[in-house]
């Protein structure tokens, strides 16, 4: 990597990222594009592709925090702007990752959620034969990777890592398939159980 804060090939002029942040505060759209490209580079180097749909929001948060920090004098050295942007991006990304993990840990099983909201006959938490049949058909309707994630984690009781290794699905993608598969099952089963 080139000298600290430059991110430019050898012999190329260094970017003045503090000046770019200042231009952003003045409303310069090109400054926002340059900053977005820099932060995209950080996220790409960390292989954060499973959260690609959140990059735009994350970039906006990072740029806002950095611009206000520069304006308010919390970044004392202009050469420290790239480091500040990198550190803030890493912190904001880790924050979002923790939120995703908390969300997936707090999720109930789709059939538990449906059974709480509807009056479904059955013994305790056990599913009736009709409900088991409905669950089986709902699972069959899921796309393959979502079905593998749901069945592996919730029906077979395997860890995320075990299911990822067994199916060849990357861990981050597996968690996304699991979250999306659970959401689809909730919707599908709610319609079955609500319909009688």
N, C-alpha and C. Protein backbone atom coordinates (compact mmCIF):
# COMPACT_ATOMS: atom_id res chain seq x y z
N UNK A 1 0.85 -1.18 0.00
CA UNK A 1 0.00 0.00 0.00
C UNK A 1 0.89 1.23 0.00
N UNK A 2 0.48 2.30 -0.66
CA UNK A 2 1.26 3.52 -0.69
C UNK A 2 1.36 4.14 0.70
N UNK A 3 2.06 5.24 0.77
CA UNK A 3 2.25 5.93 2.03
C UNK A 3 0.92 6.21 2.71
N UNK A 4 0.95 6.25 4.02
CA UNK A 4 -0.27 6.39 4.82
C UNK A 4 -1.15 7.52 4.34
N UNK A 5 -2.42 7.20 4.10
CA UNK A 5 -3.40 8.20 3.74
C UNK A 5 -3.44 8.57 2.28
N UNK A 6 -2.53 8.07 1.46
CA UNK A 6 -2.53 8.52 0.07
C UNK A 6 -3.44 7.68 -0.81
N UNK A 7 -3.39 6.36 -0.68
CA UNK A 7 -4.17 5.45 -1.51
C UNK A 7 -4.02 5.74 -3.00
N UNK A 8 -2.85 6.22 -3.39
CA UNK A 8 -2.58 6.53 -4.79
C UNK A 8 -1.36 5.75 -5.22
N UNK A 9 -1.29 5.38 -6.51
CA UNK A 9 -0.11 4.68 -6.99
C UNK A 9 1.15 5.52 -6.79
N UNK A 10 2.29 4.84 -6.73
CA UNK A 10 3.56 5.55 -6.55
C UNK A 10 3.71 6.61 -7.64
N UNK A 11 4.10 7.79 -7.24
CA UNK A 11 4.33 8.87 -8.18
C UNK A 11 3.09 9.68 -8.50
N UNK A 12 1.92 9.19 -8.15
CA UNK A 12 0.68 9.93 -8.39
C UNK A 12 0.47 10.93 -7.24
N UNK A 13 -0.21 12.04 -7.54
CA UNK A 13 -0.45 13.01 -6.46
C UNK A 13 -1.36 12.40 -5.39
N UNK A 14 -1.12 12.76 -4.14
CA UNK A 14 -1.93 12.27 -3.04
C UNK A 14 -3.27 12.99 -3.00
N UNK A 15 -4.31 12.23 -2.63
CA UNK A 15 -5.62 12.85 -2.42
C UNK A 15 -5.60 13.57 -1.08
N UNK A 16 -6.17 14.75 -1.01
CA UNK A 16 -6.33 15.47 0.25
C UNK A 16 -7.75 15.17 0.74
N UNK A 17 -7.88 14.08 1.53
CA UNK A 17 -9.21 13.62 1.95
C UNK A 17 -9.89 14.62 2.88
N UNK A 18 -9.11 15.41 3.61
CA UNK A 18 -9.71 16.46 4.44
C UNK A 18 -10.37 17.50 3.55
N UNK A 19 -9.70 17.86 2.46
CA UNK A 19 -10.29 18.83 1.53
C UNK A 19 -11.54 18.25 0.86
N UNK A 20 -11.51 16.96 0.57
CA UNK A 20 -12.69 16.31 -0.03
C UNK A 20 -13.86 16.34 0.94
N UNK A 21 -13.59 16.07 2.22
CA UNK A 21 -14.66 16.17 3.23
C UNK A 21 -15.20 17.60 3.34
N UNK A 22 -14.31 18.56 3.27
CA UNK A 22 -14.74 19.97 3.32
C UNK A 22 -15.61 20.31 2.11
N UNK A 23 -15.21 19.81 0.93
CA UNK A 23 -16.03 20.05 -0.27
C UNK A 23 -17.39 19.38 -0.14
N UNK A 24 -17.41 18.22 0.51
CA UNK A 24 -18.69 17.53 0.75
C UNK A 24 -19.61 18.41 1.60
N UNK A 25 -19.06 19.02 2.63
CA UNK A 25 -19.86 19.91 3.49
C UNK A 25 -20.41 21.11 2.72
N UNK A 26 -19.73 21.46 1.63
CA UNK A 26 -20.19 22.56 0.78
C UNK A 26 -21.19 22.09 -0.27
N UNK A 27 -21.47 20.77 -0.30
CA UNK A 27 -22.46 20.24 -1.23
C UNK A 27 -21.90 19.66 -2.52
N UNK A 28 -20.61 19.42 -2.59
CA UNK A 28 -19.98 18.88 -3.80
C UNK A 28 -20.30 17.39 -3.95
N UNK A 29 -21.04 17.04 -5.00
CA UNK A 29 -21.43 15.64 -5.23
C UNK A 29 -20.23 14.76 -5.61
N UNK A 30 -19.28 15.32 -6.31
CA UNK A 30 -18.09 14.55 -6.68
C UNK A 30 -17.33 14.12 -5.42
N UNK A 31 -17.32 14.97 -4.41
CA UNK A 31 -16.66 14.62 -3.15
C UNK A 31 -17.34 13.41 -2.52
N UNK A 32 -18.66 13.36 -2.56
CA UNK A 32 -19.38 12.22 -2.02
C UNK A 32 -19.04 10.94 -2.79
N UNK A 33 -18.95 11.04 -4.11
CA UNK A 33 -18.59 9.88 -4.92
C UNK A 33 -17.19 9.36 -4.58
N UNK A 34 -16.25 10.29 -4.41
CA UNK A 34 -14.87 9.88 -4.08
C UNK A 34 -14.83 9.19 -2.71
N UNK A 35 -15.54 9.77 -1.75
CA UNK A 35 -15.56 9.17 -0.41
C UNK A 35 -16.25 7.81 -0.44
N UNK A 36 -17.32 7.70 -1.21
CA UNK A 36 -18.03 6.43 -1.33
C UNK A 36 -17.12 5.36 -1.92
N UNK A 37 -16.35 5.72 -2.93
CA UNK A 37 -15.43 4.77 -3.56
C UNK A 37 -14.37 4.31 -2.57
N UNK A 38 -13.86 5.23 -1.76
CA UNK A 38 -12.85 4.89 -0.76
C UNK A 38 -13.44 3.91 0.27
N UNK A 39 -14.63 4.20 0.77
CA UNK A 39 -15.25 3.35 1.80
C UNK A 39 -15.67 2.02 1.20
N UNK A 40 -16.15 2.02 -0.05
CA UNK A 40 -16.43 0.76 -0.74
C UNK A 40 -15.17 -0.11 -0.79
N UNK A 41 -14.04 0.52 -1.01
CA UNK A 41 -12.77 -0.21 -1.04
C UNK A 41 -12.46 -0.87 0.29
N UNK A 42 -12.72 -0.15 1.40
CA UNK A 42 -12.51 -0.74 2.72
C UNK A 42 -13.40 -1.97 2.89
N UNK A 43 -14.69 -1.81 2.59
CA UNK A 43 -15.65 -2.90 2.78
C UNK A 43 -15.30 -4.09 1.89
N UNK A 44 -14.88 -3.81 0.67
CA UNK A 44 -14.49 -4.88 -0.23
C UNK A 44 -13.25 -5.62 0.27
N UNK A 45 -12.30 -4.89 0.81
CA UNK A 45 -11.09 -5.53 1.32
C UNK A 45 -11.38 -6.41 2.53
N UNK A 46 -12.50 -6.12 3.23
CA UNK A 46 -12.90 -6.94 4.39
C UNK A 46 -13.88 -8.04 3.96
N UNK A 47 -14.14 -8.11 2.66
CA UNK A 47 -15.05 -9.12 2.10
C UNK A 47 -16.42 -9.09 2.77
N UNK A 48 -16.97 -7.89 2.89
CA UNK A 48 -18.26 -7.69 3.55
C UNK A 48 -19.42 -7.82 2.56
N UNK A 49 -19.28 -8.67 1.57
CA UNK A 49 -20.24 -8.75 0.47
C UNK A 49 -21.61 -9.27 0.90
N UNK A 50 -21.67 -10.05 1.98
CA UNK A 50 -22.97 -10.55 2.43
C UNK A 50 -23.87 -9.41 2.91
N UNK A 51 -23.28 -8.26 3.18
CA UNK A 51 -24.04 -7.10 3.65
C UNK A 51 -24.06 -6.00 2.59
N UNK A 52 -23.86 -6.38 1.35
CA UNK A 52 -23.76 -5.41 0.25
C UNK A 52 -24.99 -4.51 0.16
N UNK A 53 -26.17 -5.06 0.48
CA UNK A 53 -27.39 -4.25 0.39
C UNK A 53 -27.42 -3.14 1.44
N UNK A 54 -26.52 -3.17 2.42
CA UNK A 54 -26.49 -2.14 3.45
C UNK A 54 -25.33 -1.17 3.28
N UNK A 55 -24.50 -1.37 2.28
CA UNK A 55 -23.33 -0.52 2.12
C UNK A 55 -23.70 0.95 1.95
N UNK A 56 -24.72 1.25 1.18
CA UNK A 56 -25.07 2.66 0.94
C UNK A 56 -25.40 3.37 2.25
N UNK A 57 -26.21 2.73 3.10
CA UNK A 57 -26.55 3.35 4.39
C UNK A 57 -25.31 3.49 5.27
N UNK A 58 -24.49 2.46 5.27
CA UNK A 58 -23.28 2.48 6.08
C UNK A 58 -22.34 3.59 5.61
N UNK A 59 -22.19 3.72 4.31
CA UNK A 59 -21.33 4.77 3.75
C UNK A 59 -21.85 6.15 4.15
N UNK A 60 -23.14 6.34 4.06
CA UNK A 60 -23.72 7.63 4.44
C UNK A 60 -23.45 7.94 5.91
N UNK A 61 -23.58 6.94 6.78
CA UNK A 61 -23.29 7.15 8.20
C UNK A 61 -21.84 7.54 8.41
N UNK A 62 -20.94 6.81 7.77
CA UNK A 62 -19.50 7.05 7.95
C UNK A 62 -19.13 8.44 7.45
N UNK A 63 -19.60 8.78 6.27
CA UNK A 63 -19.26 10.09 5.69
C UNK A 63 -19.80 11.22 6.57
N UNK A 64 -21.01 11.06 7.07
CA UNK A 64 -21.61 12.09 7.93
C UNK A 64 -20.80 12.26 9.21
N UNK A 65 -20.47 11.15 9.86
CA UNK A 65 -19.69 11.21 11.10
C UNK A 65 -18.34 11.87 10.85
N UNK A 66 -17.66 11.47 9.78
CA UNK A 66 -16.33 12.02 9.49
C UNK A 66 -16.39 13.50 9.14
N UNK A 67 -17.37 13.89 8.33
CA UNK A 67 -17.48 15.31 7.94
C UNK A 67 -17.75 16.18 9.16
N UNK A 68 -18.63 15.72 10.02
CA UNK A 68 -18.93 16.51 11.24
C UNK A 68 -17.73 16.53 12.18
N UNK A 69 -16.99 15.42 12.27
CA UNK A 69 -15.80 15.38 13.12
C UNK A 69 -14.75 16.37 12.62
N UNK A 70 -14.57 16.44 11.30
CA UNK A 70 -13.61 17.39 10.74
C UNK A 70 -14.07 18.82 10.99
N UNK A 71 -15.35 19.07 10.72
CA UNK A 71 -15.90 20.42 10.91
C UNK A 71 -15.77 20.88 12.36
N UNK A 72 -16.01 19.94 13.30
CA UNK A 72 -16.00 20.29 14.72
C UNK A 72 -14.61 20.23 15.35
N UNK A 73 -13.59 19.94 14.54
CA UNK A 73 -12.22 19.93 15.03
C UNK A 73 -11.82 18.67 15.79
N UNK A 74 -12.60 17.61 15.68
CA UNK A 74 -12.25 16.36 16.38
C UNK A 74 -11.20 15.57 15.60
N UNK A 75 -10.97 15.90 14.35
CA UNK A 75 -9.85 15.32 13.60
C UNK A 75 -8.81 16.42 13.54
N UNK A 76 -7.78 16.28 14.37
CA UNK A 76 -6.81 17.37 14.53
C UNK A 76 -5.81 17.45 13.39
N UNK A 77 -5.44 16.31 12.84
CA UNK A 77 -4.46 16.30 11.74
C UNK A 77 -5.16 15.92 10.45
N UNK A 78 -5.00 16.72 9.43
CA UNK A 78 -5.66 16.48 8.15
C UNK A 78 -5.23 15.15 7.54
N UNK A 79 -4.01 14.73 7.80
CA UNK A 79 -3.50 13.48 7.24
C UNK A 79 -4.17 12.26 7.90
N UNK A 80 -4.87 12.47 9.01
CA UNK A 80 -5.50 11.36 9.74
C UNK A 80 -6.90 11.04 9.21
N UNK A 81 -7.38 11.75 8.21
CA UNK A 81 -8.74 11.56 7.73
C UNK A 81 -8.97 10.14 7.20
N UNK A 82 -8.04 9.60 6.42
CA UNK A 82 -8.22 8.25 5.88
C UNK A 82 -8.29 7.24 7.01
N UNK A 83 -7.42 7.37 7.99
CA UNK A 83 -7.47 6.47 9.14
C UNK A 83 -8.77 6.60 9.90
N UNK A 84 -9.25 7.83 10.04
CA UNK A 84 -10.52 8.05 10.72
C UNK A 84 -11.66 7.39 9.94
N UNK A 85 -11.66 7.56 8.63
CA UNK A 85 -12.69 6.94 7.79
C UNK A 85 -12.63 5.41 7.87
N UNK A 86 -11.42 4.86 7.82
CA UNK A 86 -11.26 3.40 7.90
C UNK A 86 -11.75 2.87 9.25
N UNK A 87 -11.34 3.52 10.33
CA UNK A 87 -11.74 3.09 11.67
C UNK A 87 -13.24 3.22 11.87
N UNK A 88 -13.82 4.31 11.42
CA UNK A 88 -15.26 4.52 11.56
C UNK A 88 -16.03 3.50 10.73
N UNK A 89 -15.54 3.21 9.53
CA UNK A 89 -16.19 2.20 8.68
C UNK A 89 -16.15 0.84 9.37
N UNK A 90 -15.01 0.48 9.90
CA UNK A 90 -14.88 -0.81 10.59
C UNK A 90 -15.83 -0.88 11.78
N UNK A 91 -15.90 0.20 12.56
CA UNK A 91 -16.77 0.24 13.73
C UNK A 91 -18.24 0.12 13.31
N UNK A 92 -18.65 0.90 12.32
CA UNK A 92 -20.05 0.87 11.86
C UNK A 92 -20.41 -0.49 11.25
N UNK A 93 -19.47 -1.09 10.54
CA UNK A 93 -19.72 -2.41 9.96
C UNK A 93 -19.87 -3.45 11.07
N UNK A 94 -19.00 -3.40 12.07
CA UNK A 94 -19.08 -4.35 13.18
C UNK A 94 -20.40 -4.18 13.93
N UNK A 95 -20.83 -2.94 14.08
CA UNK A 95 -22.10 -2.65 14.74
C UNK A 95 -23.27 -3.31 13.99
N UNK A 96 -23.28 -3.18 12.67
CA UNK A 96 -24.34 -3.79 11.86
C UNK A 96 -24.27 -5.32 11.91
N UNK A 97 -23.07 -5.85 11.91
CA UNK A 97 -22.90 -7.30 11.99
C UNK A 97 -23.48 -7.81 13.31
N UNK A 98 -23.20 -7.12 14.40
CA UNK A 98 -23.74 -7.52 15.70
C UNK A 98 -25.26 -7.45 15.70
N UNK A 99 -25.83 -6.42 15.07
CA UNK A 99 -27.29 -6.31 14.99
C UNK A 99 -27.87 -7.50 14.24
N UNK A 100 -27.25 -7.90 13.15
CA UNK A 100 -27.72 -9.05 12.37
C UNK A 100 -27.68 -10.33 13.21
N UNK A 101 -26.57 -10.52 13.92
CA UNK A 101 -26.44 -11.72 14.74
C UNK A 101 -27.47 -11.73 15.86
N UNK A 102 -27.68 -10.57 16.50
CA UNK A 102 -28.70 -10.49 17.56
C UNK A 102 -30.08 -10.79 17.01
N UNK A 103 -30.37 -10.23 15.84
CA UNK A 103 -31.67 -10.45 15.21
C UNK A 103 -31.90 -11.92 14.92
N UNK A 104 -30.89 -12.60 14.37
CA UNK A 104 -31.08 -14.01 14.03
C UNK A 104 -31.16 -14.86 15.29
N UNK A 105 -30.49 -14.49 16.38
CA UNK A 105 -30.59 -15.25 17.62
C UNK A 105 -31.96 -15.07 18.27
N UNK A 106 -32.58 -13.90 18.08
CA UNK A 106 -33.87 -13.62 18.70
C UNK A 106 -35.04 -14.18 17.92
N UNK A 107 -34.80 -14.68 16.72
CA UNK A 107 -35.90 -15.18 15.90
C UNK A 107 -36.51 -16.43 16.49
N UNK A 108 -37.84 -16.48 16.43
CA UNK A 108 -38.52 -17.70 16.83
C UNK A 108 -38.65 -18.57 15.60
N UNK A 109 -38.92 -19.83 15.84
CA UNK A 109 -39.18 -20.72 14.72
C UNK A 109 -40.49 -20.32 14.10
N UNK A 110 -40.62 -20.41 12.78
CA UNK A 110 -41.83 -19.92 12.13
C UNK A 110 -43.10 -20.59 12.64
N UNK A 111 -43.04 -21.88 12.92
CA UNK A 111 -44.26 -22.55 13.36
C UNK A 111 -44.59 -22.18 14.80
N UNK A 112 -43.57 -21.81 15.63
CA UNK A 112 -43.85 -21.34 16.99
C UNK A 112 -44.56 -20.00 16.93
N UNK A 113 -44.08 -19.13 16.06
CA UNK A 113 -44.67 -17.82 15.90
C UNK A 113 -46.12 -17.93 15.46
N UNK A 114 -46.39 -18.79 14.50
CA UNK A 114 -47.75 -18.97 13.99
C UNK A 114 -48.66 -19.55 15.07
N UNK A 115 -48.15 -20.52 15.80
CA UNK A 115 -48.97 -21.16 16.82
C UNK A 115 -49.32 -20.19 17.94
N UNK A 116 -48.46 -19.25 18.25
CA UNK A 116 -48.76 -18.25 19.28
C UNK A 116 -49.85 -17.29 18.81
N UNK A 117 -49.92 -17.00 17.53
CA UNK A 117 -50.86 -16.01 17.04
C UNK A 117 -52.18 -16.61 16.63
N UNK A 118 -52.28 -17.90 16.52
CA UNK A 118 -53.51 -18.52 16.09
C UNK A 118 -53.88 -19.63 17.05
N UNK A 119 -55.12 -19.98 17.08
CA UNK A 119 -55.55 -21.07 17.94
C UNK A 119 -55.50 -22.35 17.12
N UNK A 120 -54.41 -23.06 17.29
CA UNK A 120 -54.19 -24.28 16.53
C UNK A 120 -54.31 -25.44 17.50
N UNK A 121 -55.18 -26.42 17.18
CA UNK A 121 -55.28 -27.56 18.09
C UNK A 121 -54.00 -28.37 18.09
N UNK A 122 -53.65 -28.92 19.19
CA UNK A 122 -52.46 -29.75 19.30
C UNK A 122 -52.13 -29.97 20.75
N UNK A 123 -51.26 -30.86 21.05
CA UNK A 123 -50.88 -31.16 22.42
C UNK A 123 -49.64 -30.35 22.76
N UNK A 124 -49.78 -29.36 23.63
CA UNK A 124 -48.65 -28.52 24.03
C UNK A 124 -48.06 -27.82 22.83
N UNK A 125 -46.75 -28.00 22.64
CA UNK A 125 -46.07 -27.38 21.50
C UNK A 125 -45.95 -28.33 20.32
N UNK A 126 -46.53 -29.53 20.43
CA UNK A 126 -46.44 -30.51 19.36
C UNK A 126 -47.32 -30.10 18.18
N UNK A 127 -46.88 -30.41 17.00
CA UNK A 127 -47.66 -30.13 15.80
C UNK A 127 -48.58 -31.30 15.49
N UNK A 128 -49.77 -30.99 15.03
CA UNK A 128 -50.70 -32.03 14.61
C UNK A 128 -50.19 -32.62 13.29
N UNK A 129 -50.71 -33.79 12.88
CA UNK A 129 -50.28 -34.36 11.59
C UNK A 129 -50.54 -33.41 10.42
N UNK A 130 -51.65 -32.67 10.46
CA UNK A 130 -51.94 -31.72 9.37
C UNK A 130 -50.91 -30.59 9.36
N UNK A 131 -50.55 -30.11 10.56
CA UNK A 131 -49.57 -29.03 10.65
C UNK A 131 -48.19 -29.51 10.17
N UNK A 132 -47.85 -30.75 10.55
CA UNK A 132 -46.57 -31.30 10.08
C UNK A 132 -46.57 -31.39 8.55
N UNK A 133 -47.69 -31.80 8.00
CA UNK A 133 -47.81 -31.91 6.55
C UNK A 133 -47.68 -30.53 5.91
N UNK A 134 -48.36 -29.52 6.50
CA UNK A 134 -48.27 -28.15 5.99
C UNK A 134 -46.84 -27.63 6.07
N UNK A 135 -46.17 -27.93 7.18
CA UNK A 135 -44.78 -27.51 7.35
C UNK A 135 -43.90 -28.17 6.28
N UNK A 136 -44.11 -29.47 6.06
CA UNK A 136 -43.33 -30.18 5.04
C UNK A 136 -43.51 -29.57 3.66
N UNK A 137 -44.75 -29.26 3.31
CA UNK A 137 -45.00 -28.65 1.99
C UNK A 137 -44.40 -27.25 1.91
N UNK A 138 -44.50 -26.49 3.02
CA UNK A 138 -43.91 -25.14 3.02
C UNK A 138 -42.40 -25.21 2.84
N UNK A 139 -41.76 -26.18 3.50
CA UNK A 139 -40.31 -26.36 3.34
C UNK A 139 -39.96 -26.73 1.90
N UNK A 140 -40.78 -27.59 1.29
CA UNK A 140 -40.52 -27.99 -0.09
C UNK A 140 -40.62 -26.81 -1.06
N UNK A 141 -41.43 -25.83 -0.73
CA UNK A 141 -41.60 -24.66 -1.61
C UNK A 141 -40.43 -23.68 -1.51
N UNK A 142 -39.63 -23.80 -0.44
CA UNK A 142 -38.48 -22.90 -0.30
C UNK A 142 -37.43 -23.21 -1.36
N UNK A 143 -36.73 -22.18 -1.84
CA UNK A 143 -35.58 -22.45 -2.71
C UNK A 143 -34.56 -23.32 -1.98
N UNK A 144 -33.78 -24.08 -2.71
CA UNK A 144 -32.89 -25.11 -2.16
C UNK A 144 -32.00 -24.61 -1.03
N UNK A 145 -31.30 -23.51 -1.23
CA UNK A 145 -30.33 -23.04 -0.23
C UNK A 145 -31.04 -22.58 1.04
N UNK A 146 -32.19 -21.94 0.90
CA UNK A 146 -32.96 -21.52 2.08
C UNK A 146 -33.45 -22.75 2.84
N UNK A 147 -33.91 -23.75 2.11
CA UNK A 147 -34.39 -24.99 2.73
C UNK A 147 -33.24 -25.68 3.46
N UNK A 148 -32.06 -25.77 2.82
CA UNK A 148 -30.91 -26.39 3.47
C UNK A 148 -30.55 -25.68 4.78
N UNK A 149 -30.61 -24.35 4.76
CA UNK A 149 -30.27 -23.58 5.96
C UNK A 149 -31.28 -23.84 7.07
N UNK A 150 -32.56 -23.74 6.76
CA UNK A 150 -33.61 -23.92 7.78
C UNK A 150 -33.59 -25.35 8.32
N UNK A 151 -33.55 -26.33 7.44
CA UNK A 151 -33.58 -27.74 7.87
C UNK A 151 -32.33 -28.04 8.70
N UNK A 152 -31.17 -27.62 8.22
CA UNK A 152 -29.92 -27.93 8.94
C UNK A 152 -29.87 -27.31 10.32
N UNK A 153 -30.22 -26.04 10.44
CA UNK A 153 -30.10 -25.35 11.73
C UNK A 153 -31.26 -25.69 12.66
N UNK A 154 -32.49 -25.60 12.16
CA UNK A 154 -33.63 -25.72 13.05
C UNK A 154 -34.19 -27.13 13.18
N UNK A 155 -34.21 -27.89 12.13
CA UNK A 155 -34.80 -29.22 12.23
C UNK A 155 -33.77 -30.27 12.63
N UNK A 156 -32.52 -30.11 12.16
CA UNK A 156 -31.48 -31.08 12.52
C UNK A 156 -30.66 -30.62 13.72
N UNK A 157 -30.82 -29.35 14.11
CA UNK A 157 -30.13 -28.84 15.29
C UNK A 157 -28.63 -28.64 15.12
N UNK A 158 -28.17 -28.47 13.90
CA UNK A 158 -26.74 -28.27 13.65
C UNK A 158 -26.36 -26.80 13.87
N UNK A 159 -25.08 -26.54 14.09
CA UNK A 159 -24.60 -25.17 14.22
C UNK A 159 -24.52 -24.55 12.83
N UNK A 160 -24.43 -23.23 12.79
CA UNK A 160 -24.26 -22.54 11.51
C UNK A 160 -23.04 -23.08 10.78
N UNK A 161 -21.95 -23.23 11.53
CA UNK A 161 -20.70 -23.67 10.93
C UNK A 161 -20.83 -25.07 10.33
N UNK A 162 -21.52 -25.97 11.05
CA UNK A 162 -21.71 -27.34 10.55
C UNK A 162 -22.51 -27.34 9.26
N UNK A 163 -23.58 -26.55 9.24
CA UNK A 163 -24.43 -26.50 8.04
C UNK A 163 -23.67 -25.88 6.88
N UNK A 164 -22.91 -24.83 7.16
CA UNK A 164 -22.12 -24.18 6.11
C UNK A 164 -21.11 -25.17 5.52
N UNK A 165 -20.45 -25.92 6.39
CA UNK A 165 -19.46 -26.89 5.91
C UNK A 165 -20.14 -28.02 5.12
N UNK A 166 -21.26 -28.51 5.61
CA UNK A 166 -21.95 -29.64 4.96
C UNK A 166 -22.53 -29.26 3.60
N UNK A 167 -23.04 -28.01 3.49
CA UNK A 167 -23.70 -27.60 2.25
C UNK A 167 -22.78 -26.86 1.29
N UNK A 168 -21.65 -26.35 1.80
CA UNK A 168 -20.76 -25.56 0.96
C UNK A 168 -21.21 -24.12 0.80
N UNK A 169 -22.22 -23.70 1.57
CA UNK A 169 -22.71 -22.32 1.53
C UNK A 169 -21.85 -21.50 2.48
N UNK A 170 -21.29 -20.35 2.03
CA UNK A 170 -20.50 -19.51 2.93
C UNK A 170 -21.33 -19.11 4.16
N UNK A 171 -20.67 -18.98 5.30
CA UNK A 171 -21.35 -18.74 6.56
C UNK A 171 -22.26 -17.50 6.52
N UNK A 172 -21.77 -16.40 6.00
CA UNK A 172 -22.59 -15.18 5.93
C UNK A 172 -23.81 -15.38 5.05
N UNK A 173 -23.63 -16.06 3.93
CA UNK A 173 -24.75 -16.33 3.03
C UNK A 173 -25.73 -17.28 3.69
N UNK A 174 -25.22 -18.27 4.41
CA UNK A 174 -26.10 -19.22 5.10
C UNK A 174 -27.02 -18.48 6.07
N UNK A 175 -26.46 -17.54 6.82
CA UNK A 175 -27.28 -16.79 7.78
C UNK A 175 -28.34 -15.97 7.05
N UNK A 176 -27.98 -15.40 5.91
CA UNK A 176 -28.96 -14.65 5.13
C UNK A 176 -30.05 -15.58 4.60
N UNK A 177 -29.67 -16.75 4.07
CA UNK A 177 -30.66 -17.71 3.59
C UNK A 177 -31.57 -18.17 4.73
N UNK A 178 -30.99 -18.35 5.90
CA UNK A 178 -31.77 -18.78 7.06
C UNK A 178 -32.79 -17.70 7.43
N UNK A 179 -32.34 -16.47 7.51
CA UNK A 179 -33.24 -15.36 7.86
C UNK A 179 -34.36 -15.23 6.82
N UNK A 180 -33.99 -15.25 5.54
CA UNK A 180 -34.99 -15.10 4.49
C UNK A 180 -35.93 -16.31 4.44
N UNK A 181 -35.36 -17.51 4.64
CA UNK A 181 -36.19 -18.73 4.63
C UNK A 181 -37.19 -18.73 5.77
N UNK A 182 -36.76 -18.28 6.95
CA UNK A 182 -37.68 -18.20 8.09
C UNK A 182 -38.80 -17.21 7.83
N UNK A 183 -38.45 -16.08 7.23
CA UNK A 183 -39.47 -15.07 6.92
C UNK A 183 -40.49 -15.65 5.93
N UNK A 184 -40.02 -16.36 4.91
CA UNK A 184 -40.94 -16.95 3.93
C UNK A 184 -41.81 -18.02 4.58
N UNK A 185 -41.23 -18.83 5.46
CA UNK A 185 -42.01 -19.86 6.15
C UNK A 185 -43.08 -19.23 7.05
N UNK A 186 -42.71 -18.16 7.75
CA UNK A 186 -43.70 -17.49 8.62
C UNK A 186 -44.91 -17.07 7.81
N UNK A 187 -44.64 -16.43 6.68
CA UNK A 187 -45.73 -15.96 5.83
C UNK A 187 -46.54 -17.14 5.29
N UNK A 188 -45.85 -18.14 4.78
CA UNK A 188 -46.51 -19.30 4.19
C UNK A 188 -47.35 -20.03 5.24
N UNK A 189 -46.78 -20.28 6.42
CA UNK A 189 -47.51 -21.03 7.45
C UNK A 189 -48.62 -20.20 8.07
N UNK A 190 -48.45 -18.91 8.16
CA UNK A 190 -49.52 -18.07 8.71
C UNK A 190 -50.76 -18.19 7.83
N UNK A 191 -50.56 -18.21 6.52
CA UNK A 191 -51.71 -18.35 5.60
C UNK A 191 -52.38 -19.72 5.77
N UNK A 192 -51.57 -20.79 5.95
CA UNK A 192 -52.13 -22.13 6.12
C UNK A 192 -52.93 -22.22 7.41
N UNK A 193 -52.32 -21.77 8.54
CA UNK A 193 -52.97 -21.94 9.82
C UNK A 193 -54.16 -20.99 9.98
N UNK A 194 -54.05 -19.80 9.42
CA UNK A 194 -55.16 -18.85 9.50
C UNK A 194 -56.35 -19.35 8.67
N UNK A 195 -56.05 -20.07 7.59
CA UNK A 195 -57.11 -20.58 6.74
C UNK A 195 -57.79 -21.81 7.30
N UNK A 196 -57.31 -22.35 8.40
CA UNK A 196 -57.98 -23.48 9.03
C UNK A 196 -57.29 -24.75 8.73
